[in-house]
Each structure stands twice: as C-alpha cells, then as structure tokens.
Amino acid sequence: MGEMGLLPIVLATLAFFIFGALWYGPLFSKAWQREAGLSEDAIRGGNMAVIFGLAFLFEMLVVTTLAHTVARTGASDRATMMMAVGFGATIMVPAIGINYLFQRRSAKLFAIDAGHFVIGMAIVGAVLIAWR
C-alpha cells in the first residue's frame, strides 16, 4: 500500500479549483447564473474570500479522500481514473441530484454542476497519476 503525500493532494485540489474557475467563468457563467437564479448584485454581494476558501477546503477534502483510497488500495493508473471519475459520477453527482430534486432546480443547472464534478474529478485523477 502506497503513501499519500500532501503536495500531490494540494496540486490536484488546485487543478480542480482552477478547472472550476474556467467552468463557472468563461464556459458556463451566464447559463449557470441564470439557472441558479443569481443576479449580478447577488454574485457581487457574497464574501468571495470565504466562499472561495471554503470551496477550496471542501475540494481538498474530496481529493484527500480519493488520494487516501488510491494509496490504501495500491490502485493502478486505470483504477485511479476509474475511482476518480466514479467519485464524481456515482457519489458527488447523485448527492447534488437529490438536493436539486427537492429544491426544484432545473435539469440544465444539474447538467452544468454534474459536468463540473465528473470532469473535475477526472482532472484530479490525472494529477494524482502524473505525480507518481
């Protein structure tokens, strides 16, 4: 069973975070904002340091859990990618799907957020593999 280092976790988290900035920035900002029902004033009104800081920490928790699982199982590169995408597609996406059903959120918002989690976790897997 392998060891889990802090540097690859931080780098994978940073990659996930940067991908999120691109996903919710130039790629889907307007559609996401519209579907989430957030005005320009609401977007500007939040404490962005707290929001970004907590988002990074939450992403780091997810990445740490994945890295720990990979290290404990001695997963191959293929298995690491399967676990990473699996975390996104079978844990994170259903969790937001359940919430969105009860919140009556749109399928378009679900697709935007689900895509972020699945692709973001694939990026995390690739970073963890590249670090080996």
Protein backbone atom coordinates (compact mmCIF):
# COMPACT_ATOMS: atom_id res chain seq x y z
CA MET A 1 0.00 0.00 0.00
CA GLY A 2 1.38 3.34 -1.05
CA GLU A 3 1.77 6.56 0.84
CA MET A 4 -0.32 9.67 0.43
CA GLY A 5 1.68 12.90 0.12
CA LEU A 6 0.40 16.40 0.81
CA LEU A 7 1.92 18.01 -2.30
CA PRO A 8 0.00 15.89 -4.85
CA ILE A 9 -3.19 16.50 -2.88
CA VAL A 10 -2.64 20.26 -2.95
CA LEU A 11 -1.75 20.19 -6.66
CA ALA A 12 -4.78 18.06 -7.53
CA THR A 13 -7.00 20.35 -5.47
CA LEU A 14 -5.53 23.39 -7.19
CA ALA A 15 -6.17 21.81 -10.60
CA PHE A 16 -9.78 21.06 -9.60
CA PHE A 17 -10.21 24.63 -8.33
CA ILE A 18 -8.73 26.22 -11.47
CA PHE A 19 -10.90 23.99 -13.64
CA GLY A 20 -13.92 25.19 -11.64
CA ALA A 21 -12.92 28.80 -12.28
CA LEU A 22 -12.88 28.10 -16.02
CA TRP A 23 -16.08 26.02 -15.94
CA TYR A 24 -18.09 28.58 -13.97
CA GLY A 25 -16.29 31.52 -15.59
CA PRO A 26 -15.83 31.72 -19.35
CA LEU A 27 -17.53 28.41 -20.17
CA PHE A 28 -20.84 28.48 -18.27
CA SER A 29 -21.03 31.64 -16.13
CA LYS A 30 -24.11 33.16 -17.75
CA ALA A 31 -26.07 29.91 -18.04
CA TRP A 32 -25.14 28.85 -14.52
CA GLN A 33 -26.00 32.25 -13.05
CA ARG A 34 -29.37 32.30 -14.84
CA GLU A 35 -30.25 28.72 -13.84
CA ALA A 36 -29.12 29.28 -10.25
CA GLY A 37 -31.30 32.39 -10.10
CA LEU A 38 -28.45 34.67 -9.03
CA SER A 39 -28.44 38.33 -10.03
CA GLU A 40 -25.27 40.32 -10.65
CA ASP A 41 -25.81 42.00 -7.27
CA ALA A 42 -26.11 38.63 -5.53
CA ILE A 43 -22.91 37.43 -7.19
CA ARG A 44 -21.01 40.55 -6.09
CA GLY A 45 -22.64 40.61 -2.65
CA GLY A 46 -21.09 37.45 -1.28
CA ASN A 47 -17.91 37.28 0.76
CA MET A 48 -15.77 35.83 -2.03
CA ALA A 49 -12.76 35.14 0.20
CA VAL A 50 -14.89 32.92 2.44
CA ILE A 51 -16.70 31.30 -0.50
CA PHE A 52 -13.51 30.51 -2.43
CA GLY A 53 -11.62 29.50 0.71
CA LEU A 54 -14.29 27.06 1.84
CA ALA A 55 -14.76 25.73 -1.70
CA PHE A 56 -11.03 25.01 -1.87
CA LEU A 57 -11.09 23.26 1.52
CA PHE A 58 -14.13 21.16 0.54
CA GLU A 59 -12.43 20.20 -2.71
CA MET A 60 -9.29 19.32 -0.77
CA LEU A 61 -11.35 17.04 1.48
CA VAL A 62 -12.70 15.20 -1.57
CA VAL A 63 -9.23 14.96 -3.13
CA THR A 64 -7.73 13.74 0.15
CA THR A 65 -10.35 11.02 0.41
CA LEU A 66 -9.66 9.90 -3.15
CA ALA A 67 -5.87 10.03 -2.67
CA HIS A 68 -6.18 8.03 0.54
CA THR A 69 -8.31 5.40 -1.21
CA VAL A 70 -5.84 5.18 -4.09
CA ALA A 71 -2.89 4.90 -1.72
CA ARG A 72 -4.53 2.29 0.50
CA THR A 73 -5.54 0.08 -2.42
CA GLY A 74 -2.37 0.49 -4.48
CA ALA A 75 -4.60 1.27 -7.47
CA SER A 76 -3.16 1.16 -10.97
CA ASP A 77 -3.38 4.24 -13.19
CA ARG A 78 -6.52 2.84 -14.84
CA ALA A 79 -8.10 2.05 -11.48
CA THR A 80 -7.18 5.52 -10.18
CA MET A 81 -9.03 7.14 -13.09
CA MET A 82 -11.98 4.81 -12.58
CA MET A 83 -12.10 5.78 -8.89
CA ALA A 84 -11.75 9.49 -9.63
CA VAL A 85 -14.48 9.57 -12.27
CA GLY A 86 -16.51 7.19 -10.13
CA PHE A 87 -16.34 9.58 -7.16
CA GLY A 88 -17.70 12.33 -9.40
CA ALA A 89 -20.29 10.29 -11.30
CA THR A 90 -21.59 7.97 -8.58
CA ILE A 91 -21.15 9.91 -5.33
CA MET A 92 -20.98 13.65 -5.99
CA VAL A 93 -23.46 13.86 -8.88
CA PRO A 94 -26.19 11.77 -7.21
CA ALA A 95 -25.76 13.81 -4.00
CA ILE A 96 -26.41 17.10 -5.79
CA GLY A 97 -29.13 15.41 -7.85
CA ILE A 98 -31.05 14.50 -4.70
CA ASN A 99 -30.77 18.07 -3.41
CA TYR A 100 -31.76 19.55 -6.76
CA LEU A 101 -34.86 17.37 -6.96
CA PHE A 102 -36.16 18.68 -3.65
CA GLN A 103 -35.08 22.24 -4.42
CA ARG A 104 -36.88 22.02 -7.79
CA ARG A 105 -33.71 23.06 -9.63
CA SER A 106 -33.54 22.83 -13.41
CA ALA A 107 -32.05 19.96 -15.36
CA LYS A 108 -29.76 22.48 -17.06
CA LEU A 109 -28.28 23.60 -13.71
CA PHE A 110 -27.88 19.95 -12.75
CA ALA A 111 -26.05 19.22 -16.02
CA ILE A 112 -23.69 22.18 -15.54
CA ASP A 113 -22.85 21.24 -11.96
CA ALA A 114 -22.67 17.50 -12.68
CA GLY A 115 -20.30 18.12 -15.58
CA HIS A 116 -18.06 20.15 -13.31
CA PHE A 117 -17.83 17.30 -10.80
CA VAL A 118 -17.24 14.49 -13.28
CA ILE A 119 -14.68 16.32 -15.43
CA GLY A 120 -13.08 17.94 -12.40
CA MET A 121 -12.60 14.57 -10.72
CA ALA A 122 -11.09 13.18 -13.94
CA ILE A 123 -8.57 16.02 -13.78
CA VAL A 124 -7.87 15.19 -10.14
CA GLY A 125 -7.23 11.56 -11.10
CA ALA A 126 -4.87 12.62 -13.88
CA VAL A 127 -2.88 14.85 -11.50
CA LEU A 128 -2.59 12.07 -8.92
CA ILE A 129 -1.38 9.69 -11.64
CA ALA A 130 1.09 12.21 -13.06
CA TRP A 131 2.56 12.81 -9.62
CA ARG A 132 3.52 9.15 -9.13
